Amino acid sequence: MTSAITVARIAEAAAIRLGHGWSTDPSTWGSTAEFIGPHDVGFSLIEDYEGDLVLEYDRQRFPDSIELPEGVEAFDGGVYLPLATPADGLDALAQRCADAIRAITHH
């Protein structure tokens, strides 16, 4: 039996890829997760009402001229992965989230 890919599992795998100083605080049912990292800006990973994976954060804390990775788009409250699906697999989804956070934080 394979485990379901949840938002919390994606965030946990992304935090591992981000490295030292990163962890997550998942919601009770794993439908959201807060990233805890070396920055004073919080990142939340959620599934929005359209089924997209969304990284919410305070966009005013980082420059608008961020070059986002392929498959990541900006919106007023952060960035989202419009074409992401569970079929992409946990590793690919976690890597895309980690890449997005690195692009935003420049680390």
PDB file of N, CA and C in Angstrom:
ATOM      1  N   MET A   1       0.841  -1.189   0.000  1.00  0.00           N
ATOM      2  CA  MET A   1       0.000   0.000   0.000  1.00  0.00           C
ATOM      3  C   MET A   1       0.881   1.247   0.000  1.00  0.00           C
ATOM      4  N   THR A   2       0.571   2.198  -0.860  1.00  0.00           N
ATOM      5  CA  THR A   2       1.330   3.440  -0.913  1.00  0.00           C
ATOM      6  C   THR A   2       0.633   4.506  -0.085  1.00  0.00           C
ATOM      7  N   SER A   3       1.407   5.392   0.450  1.00  0.00           N
ATOM      8  CA  SER A   3       0.855   6.488   1.245  1.00  0.00           C
ATOM      9  C   SER A   3       0.369   7.597   0.326  1.00  0.00           C
ATOM     10  N   ALA A   4      -0.702   8.224   0.727  1.00  0.00           N
ATOM     11  CA  ALA A   4      -1.233   9.350  -0.036  1.00  0.00           C
ATOM     12  C   ALA A   4      -0.279  10.533   0.055  1.00  0.00           C
ATOM     13  N   ILE A   5      -0.216  11.275  -1.027  1.00  0.00           N
ATOM     14  CA  ILE A   5       0.587  12.501  -1.021  1.00  0.00           C
ATOM     15  C   ILE A   5      -0.282  13.598  -0.433  1.00  0.00           C
ATOM     16  N   THR A   6       0.126  14.110   0.711  1.00  0.00           N
ATOM     17  CA  THR A   6      -0.604  15.202   1.352  1.00  0.00           C
ATOM     18  C   THR A   6       0.234  16.470   1.279  1.00  0.00           C
ATOM     19  N   VAL A   7      -0.409  17.577   1.509  1.00  0.00           N
ATOM     20  CA  VAL A   7       0.290  18.860   1.558  1.00  0.00           C
ATOM     21  C   VAL A   7       1.382  18.810   2.623  1.00  0.00           C
ATOM     22  N   ALA A   8       1.082  18.227   3.770  1.00  0.00           N
ATOM     23  CA  ALA A   8       2.060  18.147   4.855  1.00  0.00           C
ATOM     24  C   ALA A   8       3.274  17.314   4.455  1.00  0.00           C
ATOM     25  N   ARG A   9       3.077  16.209   3.748  1.00  0.00           N
ATOM     26  CA  ARG A   9       4.201  15.376   3.302  1.00  0.00           C
ATOM     27  C   ARG A   9       5.047  16.106   2.272  1.00  0.00           C
ATOM     28  N   ILE A  10       4.413  16.851   1.379  1.00  0.00           N
ATOM     29  CA  ILE A  10       5.154  17.637   0.395  1.00  0.00           C
ATOM     30  C   ILE A  10       6.015  18.676   1.116  1.00  0.00           C
ATOM     31  N   ALA A  11       5.423  19.368   2.080  1.00  0.00           N
ATOM     32  CA  ALA A  11       6.159  20.397   2.828  1.00  0.00           C
ATOM     33  C   ALA A  11       7.323  19.784   3.597  1.00  0.00           C
ATOM     34  N   GLU A  12       7.107  18.660   4.234  1.00  0.00           N
ATOM     35  CA  GLU A  12       8.176  18.002   4.994  1.00  0.00           C
ATOM     36  C   GLU A  12       9.339  17.624   4.071  1.00  0.00           C
ATOM     37  N   ALA A  13       9.019  17.050   2.916  1.00  0.00           N
ATOM     38  CA  ALA A  13      10.058  16.674   1.953  1.00  0.00           C
ATOM     39  C   ALA A  13      10.759  17.917   1.397  1.00  0.00           C
ATOM     40  N   ALA A  14      10.019  19.003   1.208  1.00  0.00           N
ATOM     41  CA  ALA A  14      10.629  20.254   0.732  1.00  0.00           C
ATOM     42  C   ALA A  14      11.573  20.821   1.793  1.00  0.00           C
ATOM     43  N   ALA A  15      11.179  20.768   3.057  1.00  0.00           N
ATOM     44  CA  ALA A  15      12.026  21.278   4.140  1.00  0.00           C
ATOM     45  C   ALA A  15      13.339  20.504   4.203  1.00  0.00           C
ATOM     46  N   ILE A  16      13.286  19.204   3.972  1.00  0.00           N
ATOM     47  CA  ILE A  16      14.512  18.396   3.943  1.00  0.00           C
ATOM     48  C   ILE A  16      15.413  18.875   2.815  1.00  0.00           C
ATOM     49  N   ARG A  17      14.828  19.161   1.660  1.00  0.00           N
ATOM     50  CA  ARG A  17      15.616  19.640   0.519  1.00  0.00           C
ATOM     51  C   ARG A  17      16.190  21.033   0.770  1.00  0.00           C
ATOM     52  N   LEU A  18      15.475  21.844   1.539  1.00  0.00           N
ATOM     53  CA  LEU A  18      15.973  23.189   1.854  1.00  0.00           C
ATOM     54  C   LEU A  18      17.163  23.128   2.800  1.00  0.00           C
ATOM     55  N   GLY A  19      17.246  22.092   3.600  1.00  0.00           N
ATOM     56  CA  GLY A  19      18.418  21.861   4.435  1.00  0.00           C
ATOM     57  C   GLY A  19      18.312  22.372   5.854  1.00  0.00           C
ATOM     58  N   HIS A  20      19.483  22.512   6.443  1.00  0.00           N
ATOM     59  CA  HIS A  20      19.614  22.893   7.853  1.00  0.00           C
ATOM     60  C   HIS A  20      18.805  24.152   8.170  1.00  0.00           C
ATOM     61  N   GLY A  21      18.090  24.114   9.277  1.00  0.00           N
ATOM     62  CA  GLY A  21      17.328  25.268   9.728  1.00  0.00           C
ATOM     63  C   GLY A  21      15.889  25.288   9.246  1.00  0.00           C
ATOM     64  N   TRP A  22      15.487  24.316   8.426  1.00  0.00           N
ATOM     65  CA  TRP A  22      14.123  24.283   7.915  1.00  0.00           C
ATOM     66  C   TRP A  22      13.368  23.085   8.481  1.00  0.00           C
ATOM     67  N   SER A  23      12.129  23.323   8.859  1.00  0.00           N
ATOM     68  CA  SER A  23      11.235  22.260   9.307  1.00  0.00           C
ATOM     69  C   SER A  23       9.816  22.699   8.976  1.00  0.00           C
ATOM     70  N   THR A  24       8.852  21.862   9.347  1.00  0.00           N
ATOM     71  CA  THR A  24       7.455  22.211   9.083  1.00  0.00           C
ATOM     72  C   THR A  24       6.606  21.949  10.302  1.00  0.00           C
ATOM     73  N   ASP A  25       5.477  22.612  10.328  1.00  0.00           N
ATOM     74  CA  ASP A  25       4.457  22.402  11.351  1.00  0.00           C
ATOM     75  C   ASP A  25       3.152  22.131  10.607  1.00  0.00           C
ATOM     76  N   PRO A  26       2.800  20.843  10.435  1.00  0.00           N
ATOM     77  CA  PRO A  26       1.603  20.510   9.666  1.00  0.00           C
ATOM     78  C   PRO A  26       0.323  20.704  10.477  1.00  0.00           C
ATOM     79  N   SER A  27      -0.772  20.904   9.755  1.00  0.00           N
ATOM     80  CA  SER A  27      -2.071  20.944  10.418  1.00  0.00           C
ATOM     81  C   SER A  27      -2.445  19.521  10.837  1.00  0.00           C
ATOM     82  N   THR A  28      -3.437  19.389  11.668  1.00  0.00           N
ATOM     83  CA  THR A  28      -3.853  18.100  12.205  1.00  0.00           C
ATOM     84  C   THR A  28      -4.122  17.073  11.113  1.00  0.00           C
ATOM     85  N   TRP A  29      -4.794  17.456  10.052  1.00  0.00           N
ATOM     86  CA  TRP A  29      -5.154  16.518   8.999  1.00  0.00           C
ATOM     87  C   TRP A  29      -4.197  16.554   7.813  1.00  0.00           C
ATOM     88  N   GLY A  30      -3.129  17.333   7.919  1.00  0.00           N
ATOM     89  CA  GLY A  30      -2.127  17.357   6.859  1.00  0.00           C
ATOM     90  C   GLY A  30      -2.520  18.135   5.623  1.00  0.00           C
ATOM     91  N   SER A  31      -3.553  18.955   5.738  1.00  0.00           N
ATOM     92  CA  SER A  31      -4.032  19.696   4.574  1.00  0.00           C
ATOM     93  C   SER A  31      -3.309  21.029   4.385  1.00  0.00           C
ATOM     94  N   THR A  32      -2.578  21.468   5.385  1.00  0.00           N
ATOM     95  CA  THR A  32      -1.740  22.664   5.298  1.00  0.00           C
ATOM     96  C   THR A  32      -0.464  22.419   6.102  1.00  0.00           C
ATOM     97  N   ALA A  33       0.541  23.231   5.862  1.00  0.00           N
ATOM     98  CA  ALA A  33       1.772  23.136   6.641  1.00  0.00           C
ATOM     99  C   ALA A  33       2.472  24.489   6.639  1.00  0.00           C
ATOM    100  N   GLU A  34       2.984  24.847   7.783  1.00  0.00           N
ATOM    101  CA  GLU A  34       3.771  26.070   7.934  1.00  0.00           C
ATOM    102  C   GLU A  34       5.242  25.685   7.872  1.00  0.00           C
ATOM    103  N   PHE A  35       6.023  26.432   7.084  1.00  0.00           N
ATOM    104  CA  PHE A  35       7.464  26.233   7.051  1.00  0.00           C
ATOM    105  C   PHE A  35       8.091  27.058   8.160  1.00  0.00           C
ATOM    106  N   ILE A  36       9.009  26.462   8.864  1.00  0.00           N
ATOM    107  CA  ILE A  36       9.775  27.145   9.899  1.00  0.00           C
ATOM    108  C   ILE A  36      11.211  27.165   9.394  1.00  0.00           C
ATOM    109  N   GLY A  37      11.748  28.360   9.211  1.00  0.00           N
ATOM    110  CA  GLY A  37      13.077  28.456   8.628  1.00  0.00           C
ATOM    111  C   GLY A  37      13.868  29.607   9.169  1.00  0.00           C
ATOM    112  N   PRO A  38      15.002  29.865   8.552  1.00  0.00           N
ATOM    113  CA  PRO A  38      15.905  30.895   9.037  1.00  0.00           C
ATOM    114  C   PRO A  38      15.465  32.325   8.723  1.00  0.00           C
ATOM    115  N   HIS A  39      14.347  32.481   8.037  1.00  0.00           N
ATOM    116  CA  HIS A  39      13.850  33.815   7.703  1.00  0.00           C
ATOM    117  C   HIS A  39      12.711  34.179   8.641  1.00  0.00           C
ATOM    118  N   ASP A  40      12.523  35.459   8.869  1.00  0.00           N
ATOM    119  CA  ASP A  40      11.421  35.884   9.731  1.00  0.00           C
ATOM    120  C   ASP A  40      10.103  35.984   8.971  1.00  0.00           C
ATOM    121  N   VAL A  41      10.106  35.584   7.716  1.00  0.00           N
ATOM    122  CA  VAL A  41       8.894  35.573   6.903  1.00  0.00           C
ATOM    123  C   VAL A  41       8.361  34.145   6.872  1.00  0.00           C
ATOM    124  N   GLY A  42       7.096  33.984   7.217  1.00  0.00           N
ATOM    125  CA  GLY A  42       6.508  32.659   7.216  1.00  0.00           C
ATOM    126  C   GLY A  42       6.028  32.244   5.833  1.00  0.00           C
ATOM    127  N   PHE A  43       6.149  30.966   5.550  1.00  0.00           N
ATOM    128  CA  PHE A  43       5.634  30.370   4.329  1.00  0.00           C
ATOM    129  C   PHE A  43       4.622  29.309   4.732  1.00  0.00           C
ATOM    130  N   SER A  44       3.474  29.311   4.077  1.00  0.00           N
ATOM    131  CA  SER A  44       2.455  28.290   4.314  1.00  0.00           C
ATOM    132  C   SER A  44       2.178  27.577   3.009  1.00  0.00           C
ATOM    133  N   LEU A  45       2.136  26.255   3.057  1.00  0.00           N
ATOM    134  CA  LEU A  45       1.777  25.466   1.885  1.00  0.00           C
ATOM    135  C   LEU A  45       0.355  24.990   2.078  1.00  0.00           C
ATOM    136  N   ILE A  46      -0.504  25.293   1.115  1.00  0.00           N
ATOM    137  CA  ILE A  46      -1.914  24.912   1.193  1.00  0.00           C
ATOM    138  C   ILE A  46      -2.377  24.399  -0.171  1.00  0.00           C
ATOM    139  N   GLU A  47      -3.509  23.743  -0.163  1.00  0.00           N
ATOM    140  CA  GLU A  47      -4.214  23.446  -1.409  1.00  0.00           C
ATOM    141  C   GLU A  47      -5.364  24.434  -1.477  1.00  0.00           C
ATOM    142  N   ASP A  48      -5.433  25.221  -2.551  1.00  0.00           N
ATOM    143  CA  ASP A  48      -6.487  26.229  -2.638  1.00  0.00           C
ATOM    144  C   ASP A  48      -7.793  25.613  -3.137  1.00  0.00           C
ATOM    145  N   TYR A  49      -8.814  26.429  -3.251  1.00  0.00           N
ATOM    146  CA  TYR A  49     -10.146  25.964  -3.627  1.00  0.00           C
ATOM    147  C   TYR A  49     -10.204  25.403  -5.045  1.00  0.00           C
ATOM    148  N   GLU A  50      -9.202  25.711  -5.863  1.00  0.00           N
ATOM    149  CA  GLU A  50      -9.150  25.169  -7.226  1.00  0.00           C
ATOM    150  C   GLU A  50      -8.291  23.913  -7.312  1.00  0.00           C
ATOM    151  N   GLY A  51      -7.708  23.512  -6.189  1.00  0.00           N
ATOM    152  CA  GLY A  51      -6.872  22.321  -6.161  1.00  0.00           C
ATOM    153  C   GLY A  51      -5.414  22.574  -6.462  1.00  0.00           C
ATOM    154  N   ASP A  52      -5.010  23.855  -6.551  1.00  0.00           N
ATOM    155  CA  ASP A  52      -3.606  24.183  -6.799  1.00  0.00           C
ATOM    156  C   ASP A  52      -2.817  24.177  -5.491  1.00  0.00           C
ATOM    157  N   LEU A  53      -1.548  23.786  -5.571  1.00  0.00           N
ATOM    158  CA  LEU A  53      -0.648  23.945  -4.434  1.00  0.00           C
ATOM    159  C   LEU A  53      -0.210  25.394  -4.377  1.00  0.00           C
ATOM    160  N   VAL A  54      -0.327  25.993  -3.209  1.00  0.00           N
ATOM    161  CA  VAL A  54      -0.042  27.417  -3.033  1.00  0.00           C
ATOM    162  C   VAL A  54       0.944  27.609  -1.887  1.00  0.00           C
ATOM    163  N   LEU A  55       1.980  28.406  -2.131  1.00  0.00           N
ATOM    164  CA  LEU A  55       2.887  28.865  -1.085  1.00  0.00           C
ATOM    165  C   LEU A  55       2.515  30.306  -0.775  1.00  0.00           C
ATOM    166  N   GLU A  56       1.899  30.514   0.377  1.00  0.00           N
ATOM    167  CA  GLU A  56       1.526  31.865   0.789  1.00  0.00           C
ATOM    168  C   GLU A  56       2.646  32.455   1.632  1.00  0.00           C
ATOM    169  N   TYR A  57       2.916  33.737   1.409  1.00  0.00           N
ATOM    170  CA  TYR A  57       3.903  34.472   2.197  1.00  0.00           C
ATOM    171  C   TYR A  57       3.678  35.953   1.956  1.00  0.00           C
ATOM    172  N   ASP A  58       4.317  36.783   2.753  1.00  0.00           N
ATOM    173  CA  ASP A  58       4.198  38.234   2.623  1.00  0.00           C
ATOM    174  C   ASP A  58       5.097  38.701   1.478  1.00  0.00           C
ATOM    175  N   ARG A  59       4.509  38.904   0.308  1.00  0.00           N
ATOM    176  CA  ARG A  59       5.290  39.271  -0.880  1.00  0.00           C
ATOM    177  C   ARG A  59       5.970  40.625  -0.734  1.00  0.00           C
ATOM    178  N   GLN A  60       5.506  41.464   0.159  1.00  0.00           N
ATOM    179  CA  GLN A  60       6.138  42.778   0.347  1.00  0.00           C
ATOM    180  C   GLN A  60       7.516  42.652   1.004  1.00  0.00           C
ATOM    181  N   ARG A  61       7.814  41.511   1.592  1.00  0.00           N
ATOM    182  CA  ARG A  61       9.088  41.307   2.281  1.00  0.00           C
ATOM    183  C   ARG A  61      10.219  40.913   1.338  1.00  0.00           C
ATOM    184  N   PHE A  62       9.884  40.573   0.081  1.00  0.00           N
ATOM    185  CA  PHE A  62      10.882  40.166  -0.905  1.00  0.00           C
ATOM    186  C   PHE A  62      10.679  40.962  -2.179  1.00  0.00           C
ATOM    187  N   PRO A  63      11.724  41.153  -2.974  1.00  0.00           N
ATOM    188  CA  PRO A  63      11.595  41.925  -4.213  1.00  0.00           C
ATOM    189  C   PRO A  63      10.619  41.283  -5.195  1.00  0.00           C
ATOM    190  N   ASP A  64       9.974  42.120  -6.003  1.00  0.00           N
ATOM    191  CA  ASP A  64       9.059  41.619  -7.029  1.00  0.00           C
ATOM    192  C   ASP A  64       9.793  40.994  -8.205  1.00  0.00           C
ATOM    193  N   SER A  65      11.045  41.280  -8.340  1.00  0.00           N
ATOM    194  CA  SER A  65      11.815  40.827  -9.502  1.00  0.00           C
ATOM    195  C   SER A  65      12.388  39.424  -9.300  1.00  0.00           C
ATOM    196  N   ILE A  66      11.610  38.550  -8.735  1.00  0.00           N
ATOM    197  CA  ILE A  66      12.050  37.184  -8.480  1.00  0.00           C
ATOM    198  C   ILE A  66      11.901  36.363  -9.758  1.00  0.00           C
ATOM    199  N   GLU A  67      12.945  35.635 -10.109  1.00  0.00           N
ATOM    200  CA  GLU A  67      12.862  34.709 -11.234  1.00  0.00           C
ATOM    201  C   GLU A  67      12.414  33.365 -10.679  1.00  0.00           C
ATOM    202  N   LEU A  68      11.150  33.045 -10.915  1.00  0.00           N
ATOM    203  CA  LEU A  68      10.576  31.824 -10.372  1.00  0.00           C
ATOM    204  C   LEU A  68      10.920  30.619 -11.232  1.00  0.00           C
ATOM    205  N   PRO A  69      11.024  29.453 -10.612  1.00  0.00           N
ATOM    206  CA  PRO A  69      11.301  28.243 -11.380  1.00  0.00           C
ATOM    207  C   PRO A  69      10.143  27.894 -12.310  1.00  0.00           C
ATOM    208  N   GLU A  70      10.429  27.062 -13.290  1.00  0.00           N
ATOM    209  CA  GLU A  70       9.403  26.602 -14.215  1.00  0.00           C
ATOM    210  C   GLU A  70       8.285  25.909 -13.440  1.00  0.00           C
ATOM    211  N   GLY A  71       7.048  26.207 -13.811  1.00  0.00           N
ATOM    212  CA  GLY A  71       5.895  25.594 -13.163  1.00  0.00           C
ATOM    213  C   GLY A  71       5.438  26.296 -11.899  1.00  0.00           C
ATOM    214  N   VAL A  72       6.001  27.474 -11.626  1.00  0.00           N
ATOM    215  CA  VAL A  72       5.628  28.267 -10.449  1.00  0.00           C
ATOM    216  C   VAL A  72       5.214  29.652 -10.931  1.00  0.00           C
ATOM    217  N   GLU A  73       4.051  30.100 -10.501  1.00  0.00           N
ATOM    218  CA  GLU A  73       3.511  31.403 -10.912  1.00  0.00           C
ATOM    219  C   GLU A  73       3.226  32.264  -9.680  1.00  0.00           C
ATOM    220  N   ALA A  74       3.400  33.567  -9.812  1.00  0.00           N
ATOM    221  CA  ALA A  74       3.128  34.500  -8.722  1.00  0.00           C
ATOM    222  C   ALA A  74       1.667  34.921  -8.718  1.00  0.00           C
ATOM    223  N   PHE A  75       1.167  35.261  -7.542  1.00  0.00           N
ATOM    224  CA  PHE A  75      -0.126  35.913  -7.361  1.00  0.00           C
ATOM    225  C   PHE A  75       0.002  36.816  -6.142  1.00  0.00           C
ATOM    226  N   ASP A  76      -1.027  37.576  -5.820  1.00  0.00           N
ATOM    227  CA  ASP A  76      -0.935  38.585  -4.753  1.00  0.00           C
ATOM    228  C   ASP A  76      -0.475  38.024  -3.404  1.00  0.00           C
ATOM    229  N   GLY A  77      -0.873  36.815  -3.066  1.00  0.00           N
ATOM    230  CA  GLY A  77      -0.564  36.260  -1.751  1.00  0.00           C
ATOM    231  C   GLY A  77       0.635  35.341  -1.704  1.00  0.00           C
ATOM    232  N   GLY A  78       1.342  35.183  -2.829  1.00  0.00           N
ATOM    233  CA  GLY A  78       2.499  34.303  -2.852  1.00  0.00           C
ATOM    234  C   GLY A  78       2.732  33.734  -4.230  1.00  0.00           C
ATOM    235  N   VAL A  79       2.947  32.426  -4.283  1.00  0.00           N
ATOM    236  CA  VAL A  79       3.144  31.731  -5.554  1.00  0.00           C
ATOM    237  C   VAL A  79       2.324  30.444  -5.531  1.00  0.00           C
ATOM    238  N   TYR A  80       2.071  29.900  -6.725  1.00  0.00           N
ATOM    239  CA  TYR A  80       1.347  28.637  -6.795  1.00  0.00           C
ATOM    240  C   TYR A  80       1.903  27.777  -7.913  1.00  0.00           C
ATOM    241  N   LEU A  81       1.572  26.496  -7.873  1.00  0.00           N
ATOM    242  CA  LEU A  81       2.029  25.520  -8.852  1.00  0.00           C
ATOM    243  C   LEU A  81       0.810  25.085  -9.656  1.00  0.00           C
ATOM    244  N   PRO A  82       0.462  25.813 -10.713  1.00  0.00           N
ATOM    245  CA  PRO A  82      -0.811  25.603 -11.398  1.00  0.00           C
ATOM    246  C   PRO A  82      -0.975  24.247 -12.069  1.00  0.00           C
ATOM    247  N   LEU A  83       0.099  23.613 -12.458  1.00  0.00           N
ATOM    248  CA  LEU A  83      -0.026  22.347 -13.178  1.00  0.00           C
ATOM    249  C   LEU A  83       0.335  21.133 -12.327  1.00  0.00           C
ATOM    250  N   ALA A  84       0.583  21.347 -11.039  1.00  0.00           N
ATOM    251  CA  ALA A  84       0.987  20.252 -10.165  1.00  0.00           C
ATOM    252  C   ALA A  84      -0.174  19.304  -9.894  1.00  0.00           C
ATOM    253  N   THR A  85       0.129  18.014  -9.926  1.00  0.00           N
ATOM    254  CA  THR A  85      -0.856  16.985  -9.581  1.00  0.00           C
ATOM    255  C   THR A  85      -0.155  15.899  -8.776  1.00  0.00           C
ATOM    256  N   PRO A  86      -0.906  15.108  -8.019  1.00  0.00           N
ATOM    257  CA  PRO A  86      -0.283  13.998  -7.292  1.00  0.00           C
ATOM    258  C   PRO A  86       0.488  13.044  -8.206  1.00  0.00           C
ATOM    259  N   ALA A  87       0.104  12.955  -9.463  1.00  0.00           N
ATOM    260  CA  ALA A  87       0.805  12.082 -10.414  1.00  0.00           C
ATOM    261  C   ALA A  87       2.251  12.518 -10.634  1.00  0.00           C
ATOM    262  N   ASP A  88       2.585  13.773 -10.313  1.00  0.00           N
ATOM    263  CA  ASP A  88       3.963  14.259 -10.435  1.00  0.00           C
ATOM    264  C   ASP A  88       4.886  13.546  -9.450  1.00  0.00           C
ATOM    265  N   GLY A  89       4.319  13.060  -8.356  1.00  0.00           N
ATOM    266  CA  GLY A  89       5.101  12.361  -7.340  1.00  0.00           C
ATOM    267  C   GLY A  89       5.606  13.286  -6.253  1.00  0.00           C
ATOM    268  N   LEU A  90       5.785  12.707  -5.088  1.00  0.00           N
ATOM    269  CA  LEU A  90       6.212  13.463  -3.914  1.00  0.00           C
ATOM    270  C   LEU A  90       7.545  14.170  -4.143  1.00  0.00           C
ATOM    271  N   ASP A  91       8.524  13.465  -4.695  1.00  0.00           N
ATOM    272  CA  ASP A  91       9.858  14.061  -4.869  1.00  0.00           C
ATOM    273  C   ASP A  91       9.826  15.290  -5.773  1.00  0.00           C
ATOM    274  N   ALA A  92       9.133  15.178  -6.899  1.00  0.00           N
ATOM    275  CA  ALA A  92       9.072  16.307  -7.845  1.00  0.00           C
ATOM    276  C   ALA A  92       8.322  17.490  -7.248  1.00  0.00           C
ATOM    277  N   LEU A  93       7.234  17.233  -6.550  1.00  0.00           N
ATOM    278  CA  LEU A  93       6.461  18.320  -5.945  1.00  0.00           C
ATOM    279  C   LEU A  93       7.257  19.005  -4.839  1.00  0.00           C
ATOM    280  N   ALA A  94       7.939  18.209  -4.014  1.00  0.00           N
ATOM    281  CA  ALA A  94       8.760  18.785  -2.945  1.00  0.00           C
ATOM    282  C   ALA A  94       9.896  19.609  -3.521  1.00  0.00           C
ATOM    283  N   GLN A  95      10.518  19.116  -4.580  1.00  0.00           N
ATOM    284  CA  GLN A  95      11.619  19.853  -5.196  1.00  0.00           C
ATOM    285  C   GLN A  95      11.127  21.173  -5.773  1.00  0.00           C
ATOM    286  N   ARG A  96       9.963  21.157  -6.407  1.00  0.00           N
ATOM    287  CA  ARG A  96       9.414  22.393  -6.978  1.00  0.00           C
ATOM    288  C   ARG A  96       9.121  23.407  -5.874  1.00  0.00           C
ATOM    289  N   CYS A  97       8.584  22.951  -4.746  1.00  0.00           N
ATOM    290  CA  CYS A  97       8.328  23.867  -3.619  1.00  0.00           C
ATOM    291  C   CYS A  97       9.630  24.407  -3.046  1.00  0.00           C
ATOM    292  N   ALA A  98      10.609  23.539  -2.855  1.00  0.00           N
ATOM    293  CA  ALA A  98      11.910  23.978  -2.334  1.00  0.00           C
ATOM    294  C   ALA A  98      12.562  24.974  -3.287  1.00  0.00           C
ATOM    295  N   ASP A  99      12.499  24.685  -4.582  1.00  0.00           N
ATOM    296  CA  ASP A  99      13.073  25.612  -5.581  1.00  0.00           C
ATOM    297  C   ASP A  99      12.385  26.966  -5.534  1.00  0.00           C
ATOM    298  N   ALA A 100      11.069  26.964  -5.338  1.00  0.00           N
ATOM    299  CA  ALA A 100      10.330  28.222  -5.259  1.00  0.00           C
ATOM    300  C   ALA A 100      10.761  29.027  -4.034  1.00  0.00           C
ATOM    301  N   ILE A 101      10.890  28.369  -2.896  1.00  0.00           N
ATOM    302  CA  ILE A 101      11.308  29.073  -1.674  1.00  0.00           C
ATOM    303  C   ILE A 101      12.731  29.605  -1.839  1.00  0.00           C
ATOM    304  N   ARG A 102      13.612  28.824  -2.438  1.00  0.00           N
ATOM    305  CA  ARG A 102      14.975  29.302  -2.684  1.00  0.00           C
ATOM    306  C   ARG A 102      14.984  30.531  -3.589  1.00  0.00           C
ATOM    307  N   ALA A 103      14.157  30.502  -4.632  1.00  0.00           N
ATOM    308  CA  ALA A 103      14.099  31.647  -5.544  1.00  0.00           C
ATOM    309  C   ALA A 103      13.582  32.895  -4.817  1.00  0.00           C
ATOM    310  N   ILE A 104      12.597  32.708  -3.968  1.00  0.00           N
ATOM    311  CA  ILE A 104      12.003  33.842  -3.235  1.00  0.00           C
ATOM    312  C   ILE A 104      12.998  34.416  -2.231  1.00  0.00           C
ATOM    313  N   THR A 105      13.679  33.535  -1.501  1.00  0.00           N
ATOM    314  CA  THR A 105      14.582  33.976  -0.426  1.00  0.00           C
ATOM    315  C   THR A 105      16.010  34.226  -0.905  1.00  0.00           C
ATOM    316  N   HIS A 106      16.288  33.865  -2.150  1.00  0.00           N
ATOM    317  CA  HIS A 106      17.641  33.986  -2.730  1.00  0.00           C
ATOM    318  C   HIS A 106      18.659  33.164  -1.973  1.00  0.00           C
ATOM    319  N   HIS A 107      18.244  32.014  -1.435  1.00  0.00           N
ATOM    320  CA  HIS A 107      19.174  31.088  -0.746  1.00  0.00           C
ATOM    321  C   HIS A 107      19.007  29.696  -1.273  1.00  0.00           C
TER     322      HIS A 107
END
